[in-house]
Amino acid sequence: MGRIMAIDYGKKRVGIAVTDPLKIIATPLTTVAEPDTFNWLKDYFGKEEVEKVLVGYPLNLKGGPTDATAAVDRFIERFRKLFPGLELEPRDEAFTSKMAVRTLVESGLKKKDRQRKELVDQTSAAILLQEYLQNL
């Protein structure tokens, strides 16, 4: 059984979360510098079986594109060229960053630690993934 991965794509950093092999729990995995993303993914896919990848897709409150949508579209296009056999599903990422910050606050992390953007990015990916699992 393969894992499900969620990606919170950003122009500077990419947050990544994965499920356990049984697809029960979503866990923040890492944050990768954007230029290193595809090399990191190739390496990870070589070590772990992943059957599906979710990508946070930025939409405004009316369901239209945001400033970040075109960059995510380019990421998706490149991903599909590099990993044609891997299922990729864009998912509305509305409010995941705000929910990630709230989650980090509620977890008791010190303010200095909560301000680390890489924690917010990977937690956002985990929230996207957990929502997906809950809707299965």
N, C-alpha and C. Protein backbone atom coordinates (compact mmCIF):
# COMPACT_ATOMS: atom_id res chain seq x y z
N MET A 1 0.84 -1.19 0.00
CA MET A 1 0.00 0.00 0.00
C MET A 1 0.88 1.24 0.00
N GLY A 2 0.56 2.16 -0.85
CA GLY A 2 1.32 3.39 -0.92
C GLY A 2 0.75 4.49 -0.05
N ARG A 3 1.58 5.44 0.20
CA ARG A 3 1.19 6.61 0.98
C ARG A 3 0.48 7.62 0.08
N ILE A 4 -0.17 8.58 0.71
CA ILE A 4 -0.68 9.76 0.02
C ILE A 4 0.16 10.93 0.51
N MET A 5 0.56 11.77 -0.41
CA MET A 5 1.38 12.93 -0.09
C MET A 5 0.58 14.19 -0.38
N ALA A 6 0.79 15.22 0.42
CA ALA A 6 0.20 16.53 0.14
C ALA A 6 1.33 17.54 0.03
N ILE A 7 1.18 18.44 -0.93
CA ILE A 7 2.18 19.47 -1.19
C ILE A 7 1.53 20.84 -1.08
N ASP A 8 2.13 21.68 -0.26
CA ASP A 8 1.72 23.08 -0.16
C ASP A 8 2.80 23.88 -0.89
N TYR A 9 2.54 24.16 -2.17
CA TYR A 9 3.55 24.80 -3.02
C TYR A 9 3.62 26.30 -2.76
N GLY A 10 4.83 26.79 -2.67
CA GLY A 10 5.07 28.23 -2.55
C GLY A 10 6.27 28.60 -3.40
N LYS A 11 6.37 29.85 -3.77
CA LYS A 11 7.46 30.30 -4.63
C LYS A 11 8.83 30.20 -3.96
N LYS A 12 8.85 30.21 -2.62
CA LYS A 12 10.11 30.10 -1.88
C LYS A 12 10.29 28.73 -1.23
N ARG A 13 9.20 28.23 -0.63
CA ARG A 13 9.25 26.98 0.12
C ARG A 13 8.07 26.10 -0.26
N VAL A 14 8.29 24.78 -0.12
CA VAL A 14 7.25 23.81 -0.41
C VAL A 14 7.08 22.92 0.81
N GLY A 15 5.90 22.98 1.42
CA GLY A 15 5.59 22.14 2.57
C GLY A 15 5.08 20.79 2.11
N ILE A 16 5.54 19.73 2.78
CA ILE A 16 5.18 18.38 2.37
C ILE A 16 4.70 17.60 3.59
N ALA A 17 3.62 16.87 3.41
CA ALA A 17 3.08 15.98 4.44
C ALA A 17 2.75 14.65 3.78
N VAL A 18 2.75 13.59 4.57
CA VAL A 18 2.41 12.26 4.05
C VAL A 18 1.54 11.52 5.05
N THR A 19 0.88 10.50 4.54
CA THR A 19 0.14 9.60 5.41
C THR A 19 1.06 8.44 5.80
N ASP A 20 0.62 7.69 6.78
CA ASP A 20 1.25 6.42 7.07
C ASP A 20 0.85 5.46 5.95
N PRO A 21 1.49 4.29 5.82
CA PRO A 21 1.15 3.37 4.72
C PRO A 21 -0.32 2.92 4.72
N LEU A 22 -0.98 2.91 5.87
CA LEU A 22 -2.39 2.50 5.94
C LEU A 22 -3.34 3.66 5.64
N LYS A 23 -2.78 4.84 5.43
CA LYS A 23 -3.56 6.04 5.09
C LYS A 23 -4.55 6.43 6.19
N ILE A 24 -4.07 6.42 7.43
CA ILE A 24 -4.92 6.77 8.56
C ILE A 24 -4.55 8.15 9.11
N ILE A 25 -3.25 8.43 9.20
CA ILE A 25 -2.78 9.65 9.85
C ILE A 25 -1.97 10.49 8.87
N ALA A 26 -2.24 11.79 8.84
CA ALA A 26 -1.46 12.75 8.05
C ALA A 26 -0.42 13.37 8.97
N THR A 27 0.83 13.38 8.51
CA THR A 27 1.92 13.90 9.32
C THR A 27 2.75 14.89 8.52
N PRO A 28 3.05 16.07 9.10
CA PRO A 28 3.97 16.98 8.42
C PRO A 28 5.31 16.27 8.24
N LEU A 29 5.90 16.37 7.05
CA LEU A 29 7.15 15.66 6.79
C LEU A 29 8.34 16.61 6.74
N THR A 30 8.26 17.62 5.88
CA THR A 30 9.39 18.52 5.72
C THR A 30 8.96 19.75 4.94
N THR A 31 9.87 20.69 4.86
CA THR A 31 9.73 21.84 3.98
C THR A 31 11.00 21.88 3.14
N VAL A 32 10.82 22.04 1.84
CA VAL A 32 11.93 22.02 0.90
C VAL A 32 12.01 23.39 0.22
N ALA A 33 13.21 23.87 -0.01
CA ALA A 33 13.38 25.10 -0.79
C ALA A 33 12.83 24.85 -2.19
N GLU A 34 12.07 25.77 -2.72
CA GLU A 34 11.39 25.57 -4.01
C GLU A 34 12.32 25.05 -5.11
N PRO A 35 13.53 25.62 -5.30
CA PRO A 35 14.38 25.11 -6.39
C PRO A 35 14.79 23.64 -6.23
N ASP A 36 14.72 23.11 -5.02
CA ASP A 36 15.14 21.73 -4.75
C ASP A 36 13.99 20.74 -4.78
N THR A 37 12.78 21.20 -5.01
CA THR A 37 11.58 20.38 -4.85
C THR A 37 11.59 19.11 -5.69
N PHE A 38 11.84 19.23 -6.98
CA PHE A 38 11.72 18.05 -7.83
C PHE A 38 12.83 17.04 -7.57
N ASN A 39 14.02 17.48 -7.24
CA ASN A 39 15.08 16.54 -6.86
C ASN A 39 14.70 15.82 -5.56
N TRP A 40 14.14 16.56 -4.60
CA TRP A 40 13.72 15.96 -3.35
C TRP A 40 12.62 14.92 -3.61
N LEU A 41 11.64 15.28 -4.46
CA LEU A 41 10.55 14.35 -4.76
C LEU A 41 11.07 13.08 -5.45
N LYS A 42 11.97 13.22 -6.42
CA LYS A 42 12.54 12.04 -7.09
C LYS A 42 13.19 11.11 -6.07
N ASP A 43 13.94 11.68 -5.16
CA ASP A 43 14.61 10.89 -4.14
C ASP A 43 13.58 10.20 -3.24
N TYR A 44 12.58 10.93 -2.79
CA TYR A 44 11.57 10.36 -1.89
C TYR A 44 10.79 9.25 -2.59
N PHE A 45 10.37 9.49 -3.84
CA PHE A 45 9.60 8.48 -4.57
C PHE A 45 10.45 7.23 -4.84
N GLY A 46 11.75 7.38 -4.87
CA GLY A 46 12.64 6.23 -5.02
C GLY A 46 12.73 5.38 -3.76
N LYS A 47 12.42 5.97 -2.61
CA LYS A 47 12.52 5.28 -1.32
C LYS A 47 11.18 4.80 -0.79
N GLU A 48 10.13 5.56 -1.06
CA GLU A 48 8.80 5.28 -0.49
C GLU A 48 7.77 5.13 -1.61
N GLU A 49 6.84 4.22 -1.38
CA GLU A 49 5.76 4.06 -2.34
C GLU A 49 4.68 5.11 -2.06
N VAL A 50 4.42 5.93 -3.06
CA VAL A 50 3.38 6.96 -2.97
C VAL A 50 2.41 6.69 -4.10
N GLU A 51 1.13 6.56 -3.76
CA GLU A 51 0.15 6.25 -4.79
C GLU A 51 -0.62 7.46 -5.29
N LYS A 52 -0.58 8.54 -4.51
CA LYS A 52 -1.33 9.74 -4.90
C LYS A 52 -0.69 10.95 -4.28
N VAL A 53 -0.73 12.07 -5.01
CA VAL A 53 -0.21 13.33 -4.50
C VAL A 53 -1.30 14.38 -4.61
N LEU A 54 -1.54 15.08 -3.51
CA LEU A 54 -2.47 16.20 -3.50
C LEU A 54 -1.64 17.48 -3.54
N VAL A 55 -2.10 18.45 -4.30
CA VAL A 55 -1.42 19.74 -4.36
C VAL A 55 -2.43 20.81 -3.97
N GLY A 56 -2.05 21.61 -2.98
CA GLY A 56 -2.91 22.72 -2.58
C GLY A 56 -3.08 23.68 -3.73
N TYR A 57 -4.34 23.96 -4.07
CA TYR A 57 -4.64 24.81 -5.22
C TYR A 57 -5.27 26.11 -4.72
N PRO A 58 -4.59 27.23 -4.94
CA PRO A 58 -5.08 28.51 -4.40
C PRO A 58 -6.22 29.10 -5.23
N LEU A 59 -7.35 29.30 -4.58
CA LEU A 59 -8.51 29.94 -5.20
C LEU A 59 -9.00 31.03 -4.26
N ASN A 60 -9.58 32.08 -4.84
CA ASN A 60 -10.14 33.12 -3.99
C ASN A 60 -11.52 32.69 -3.48
N LEU A 61 -12.15 33.52 -2.69
CA LEU A 61 -13.43 33.15 -2.08
C LEU A 61 -14.54 32.94 -3.10
N LYS A 62 -14.37 33.48 -4.30
CA LYS A 62 -15.37 33.29 -5.36
C LYS A 62 -15.03 32.10 -6.25
N GLY A 63 -13.94 31.38 -5.91
CA GLY A 63 -13.56 30.21 -6.69
C GLY A 63 -12.68 30.52 -7.89
N GLY A 64 -12.23 31.76 -8.00
CA GLY A 64 -11.37 32.15 -9.10
C GLY A 64 -9.90 32.09 -8.73
N PRO A 65 -9.04 32.32 -9.71
CA PRO A 65 -7.60 32.25 -9.45
C PRO A 65 -7.11 33.40 -8.56
N THR A 66 -5.99 33.14 -7.88
CA THR A 66 -5.33 34.15 -7.06
C THR A 66 -4.00 34.49 -7.72
N ASP A 67 -3.22 35.33 -7.07
CA ASP A 67 -1.88 35.66 -7.58
C ASP A 67 -0.99 34.43 -7.65
N ALA A 68 -1.23 33.46 -6.80
CA ALA A 68 -0.37 32.27 -6.73
C ALA A 68 -0.81 31.14 -7.66
N THR A 69 -1.98 31.22 -8.24
CA THR A 69 -2.53 30.11 -9.02
C THR A 69 -1.67 29.76 -10.23
N ALA A 70 -1.18 30.74 -10.95
CA ALA A 70 -0.37 30.46 -12.15
C ALA A 70 0.91 29.70 -11.79
N ALA A 71 1.54 30.04 -10.68
CA ALA A 71 2.76 29.33 -10.26
C ALA A 71 2.44 27.88 -9.91
N VAL A 72 1.32 27.64 -9.27
CA VAL A 72 0.92 26.27 -8.94
C VAL A 72 0.59 25.51 -10.22
N ASP A 73 -0.06 26.17 -11.17
CA ASP A 73 -0.34 25.51 -12.46
C ASP A 73 0.96 25.05 -13.14
N ARG A 74 2.00 25.89 -13.10
CA ARG A 74 3.29 25.52 -13.70
C ARG A 74 3.91 24.34 -12.95
N PHE A 75 3.80 24.36 -11.62
CA PHE A 75 4.30 23.25 -10.82
C PHE A 75 3.59 21.95 -11.20
N ILE A 76 2.27 22.00 -11.31
CA ILE A 76 1.48 20.82 -11.65
C ILE A 76 1.88 20.29 -13.03
N GLU A 77 2.03 21.18 -13.98
CA GLU A 77 2.42 20.78 -15.34
C GLU A 77 3.78 20.06 -15.33
N ARG A 78 4.74 20.63 -14.65
CA ARG A 78 6.07 20.02 -14.57
C ARG A 78 6.02 18.68 -13.82
N PHE A 79 5.26 18.63 -12.73
CA PHE A 79 5.11 17.39 -11.97
C PHE A 79 4.58 16.28 -12.87
N ARG A 80 3.54 16.58 -13.63
CA ARG A 80 2.92 15.56 -14.48
C ARG A 80 3.87 15.08 -15.58
N LYS A 81 4.75 15.95 -16.05
CA LYS A 81 5.75 15.55 -17.05
C LYS A 81 6.81 14.65 -16.42
N LEU A 82 7.26 14.98 -15.21
CA LEU A 82 8.31 14.21 -14.56
C LEU A 82 7.82 12.90 -13.95
N PHE A 83 6.56 12.87 -13.51
CA PHE A 83 6.01 11.70 -12.83
C PHE A 83 4.67 11.31 -13.47
N PRO A 84 4.70 10.91 -14.76
CA PRO A 84 3.44 10.67 -15.48
C PRO A 84 2.58 9.54 -14.92
N GLY A 85 3.17 8.59 -14.23
CA GLY A 85 2.40 7.47 -13.71
C GLY A 85 1.82 7.70 -12.33
N LEU A 86 2.07 8.85 -11.76
CA LEU A 86 1.63 9.14 -10.39
C LEU A 86 0.40 10.03 -10.42
N GLU A 87 -0.64 9.60 -9.75
CA GLU A 87 -1.89 10.38 -9.71
C GLU A 87 -1.67 11.67 -8.92
N LEU A 88 -2.09 12.78 -9.51
CA LEU A 88 -1.97 14.08 -8.87
C LEU A 88 -3.34 14.74 -8.85
N GLU A 89 -3.73 15.25 -7.70
CA GLU A 89 -5.05 15.87 -7.56
C GLU A 89 -4.91 17.25 -6.92
N PRO A 90 -5.25 18.30 -7.66
CA PRO A 90 -5.29 19.63 -7.03
C PRO A 90 -6.46 19.69 -6.04
N ARG A 91 -6.23 20.32 -4.88
CA ARG A 91 -7.26 20.45 -3.85
C ARG A 91 -7.30 21.89 -3.37
N ASP A 92 -8.50 22.41 -3.19
CA ASP A 92 -8.67 23.77 -2.69
C ASP A 92 -7.96 23.89 -1.35
N GLU A 93 -7.05 24.86 -1.26
CA GLU A 93 -6.28 25.03 -0.03
C GLU A 93 -6.77 26.18 0.83
N ALA A 94 -7.99 26.61 0.61
CA ALA A 94 -8.53 27.76 1.33
C ALA A 94 -8.34 27.63 2.83
N PHE A 95 -7.75 28.64 3.42
CA PHE A 95 -7.59 28.80 4.86
C PHE A 95 -6.63 27.82 5.52
N THR A 96 -5.91 26.97 4.76
CA THR A 96 -5.02 26.00 5.40
C THR A 96 -3.87 26.70 6.14
N SER A 97 -3.37 27.80 5.61
CA SER A 97 -2.27 28.50 6.31
C SER A 97 -2.75 29.09 7.63
N LYS A 98 -3.94 29.69 7.62
CA LYS A 98 -4.48 30.24 8.87
C LYS A 98 -4.76 29.13 9.87
N MET A 99 -5.26 28.01 9.39
CA MET A 99 -5.51 26.88 10.28
C MET A 99 -4.20 26.31 10.81
N ALA A 100 -3.15 26.33 9.99
CA ALA A 100 -1.85 25.84 10.43
C ALA A 100 -1.30 26.70 11.56
N VAL A 101 -1.40 28.00 11.42
CA VAL A 101 -0.93 28.91 12.47
C VAL A 101 -1.70 28.64 13.76
N ARG A 102 -3.01 28.51 13.65
CA ARG A 102 -3.84 28.24 14.83
C ARG A 102 -3.45 26.91 15.47
N THR A 103 -3.20 25.90 14.66
CA THR A 103 -2.78 24.59 15.16
C THR A 103 -1.47 24.70 15.93
N LEU A 104 -0.52 25.46 15.38
CA LEU A 104 0.77 25.62 16.04
C LEU A 104 0.63 26.37 17.36
N VAL A 105 -0.27 27.37 17.39
CA VAL A 105 -0.53 28.09 18.64
C VAL A 105 -1.11 27.13 19.67
N GLU A 106 -2.12 26.36 19.26
CA GLU A 106 -2.79 25.45 20.18
C GLU A 106 -1.88 24.31 20.65
N SER A 107 -0.84 24.02 19.87
CA SER A 107 0.07 22.94 20.26
C SER A 107 1.03 23.37 21.37
N GLY A 108 1.04 24.67 21.68
CA GLY A 108 1.88 25.15 22.76
C GLY A 108 3.27 25.59 22.34
N LEU A 109 3.53 25.65 21.04
CA LEU A 109 4.84 26.12 20.59
C LEU A 109 5.06 27.57 20.99
N LYS A 110 6.29 27.89 21.31
CA LYS A 110 6.63 29.27 21.63
C LYS A 110 6.44 30.14 20.40
N LYS A 111 6.16 31.42 20.62
CA LYS A 111 5.90 32.34 19.52
C LYS A 111 7.03 32.35 18.50
N LYS A 112 8.26 32.32 18.97
CA LYS A 112 9.42 32.33 18.08
C LYS A 112 9.40 31.11 17.15
N ASP A 113 9.05 29.94 17.69
CA ASP A 113 8.98 28.72 16.89
C ASP A 113 7.81 28.75 15.91
N ARG A 114 6.68 29.32 16.34
CA ARG A 114 5.50 29.40 15.48
C ARG A 114 5.73 30.29 14.28
N GLN A 115 6.66 31.22 14.37
CA GLN A 115 6.92 32.15 13.28
C GLN A 115 7.83 31.55 12.21
N ARG A 116 8.32 30.35 12.44
CA ARG A 116 9.15 29.69 11.44
C ARG A 116 8.24 29.26 10.28
N LYS A 117 8.42 29.91 9.14
CA LYS A 117 7.54 29.68 7.99
C LYS A 117 7.52 28.23 7.54
N GLU A 118 8.66 27.53 7.68
CA GLU A 118 8.69 26.13 7.24
C GLU A 118 7.74 25.25 8.04
N LEU A 119 7.54 25.56 9.32
CA LEU A 119 6.57 24.81 10.12
C LEU A 119 5.15 25.07 9.65
N VAL A 120 4.86 26.31 9.30
CA VAL A 120 3.52 26.65 8.80
C VAL A 120 3.27 25.92 7.48
N ASP A 121 4.27 25.89 6.59
CA ASP A 121 4.10 25.26 5.28
C ASP A 121 3.82 23.76 5.39
N GLN A 122 4.60 23.07 6.18
CA GLN A 122 4.39 21.62 6.29
C GLN A 122 3.13 21.30 7.08
N THR A 123 2.75 22.15 8.04
CA THR A 123 1.51 21.95 8.77
C THR A 123 0.31 22.21 7.86
N SER A 124 0.42 23.19 6.97
CA SER A 124 -0.64 23.44 5.99
C SER A 124 -0.85 22.22 5.11
N ALA A 125 0.25 21.61 4.67
CA ALA A 125 0.14 20.40 3.84
C ALA A 125 -0.53 19.28 4.62
N ALA A 126 -0.19 19.15 5.90
CA ALA A 126 -0.79 18.10 6.73
C ALA A 126 -2.29 18.34 6.91
N ILE A 127 -2.69 19.58 7.06
CA ILE A 127 -4.12 19.90 7.20
C ILE A 127 -4.86 19.57 5.91
N LEU A 128 -4.30 19.93 4.78
CA LEU A 128 -4.88 19.60 3.48
C LEU A 128 -5.07 18.09 3.36
N LEU A 129 -4.06 17.35 3.77
CA LEU A 129 -4.10 15.89 3.69
C LEU A 129 -5.10 15.30 4.67
N GLN A 130 -5.14 15.81 5.89
CA GLN A 130 -6.09 15.30 6.89
C GLN A 130 -7.53 15.55 6.45
N GLU A 131 -7.80 16.71 5.86
CA GLU A 131 -9.15 16.98 5.36
C GLU A 131 -9.53 16.00 4.26
N TYR A 132 -8.56 15.69 3.39
CA TYR A 132 -8.80 14.72 2.33
C TYR A 132 -9.15 13.35 2.93
N LEU A 133 -8.36 12.91 3.92
CA LEU A 133 -8.60 11.61 4.54
C LEU A 133 -9.96 11.56 5.21
N GLN A 134 -10.37 12.65 5.84
CA GLN A 134 -11.67 12.68 6.51
C GLN A 134 -12.83 12.58 5.53
N ASN A 135 -12.60 13.03 4.29
CA ASN A 135 -13.67 13.00 3.30
C ASN A 135 -13.70 11.71 2.48
N LEU A 136 -12.77 10.79 2.73
CA LEU A 136 -12.77 9.51 1.99
C LEU A 136 -13.94 8.66 2.40
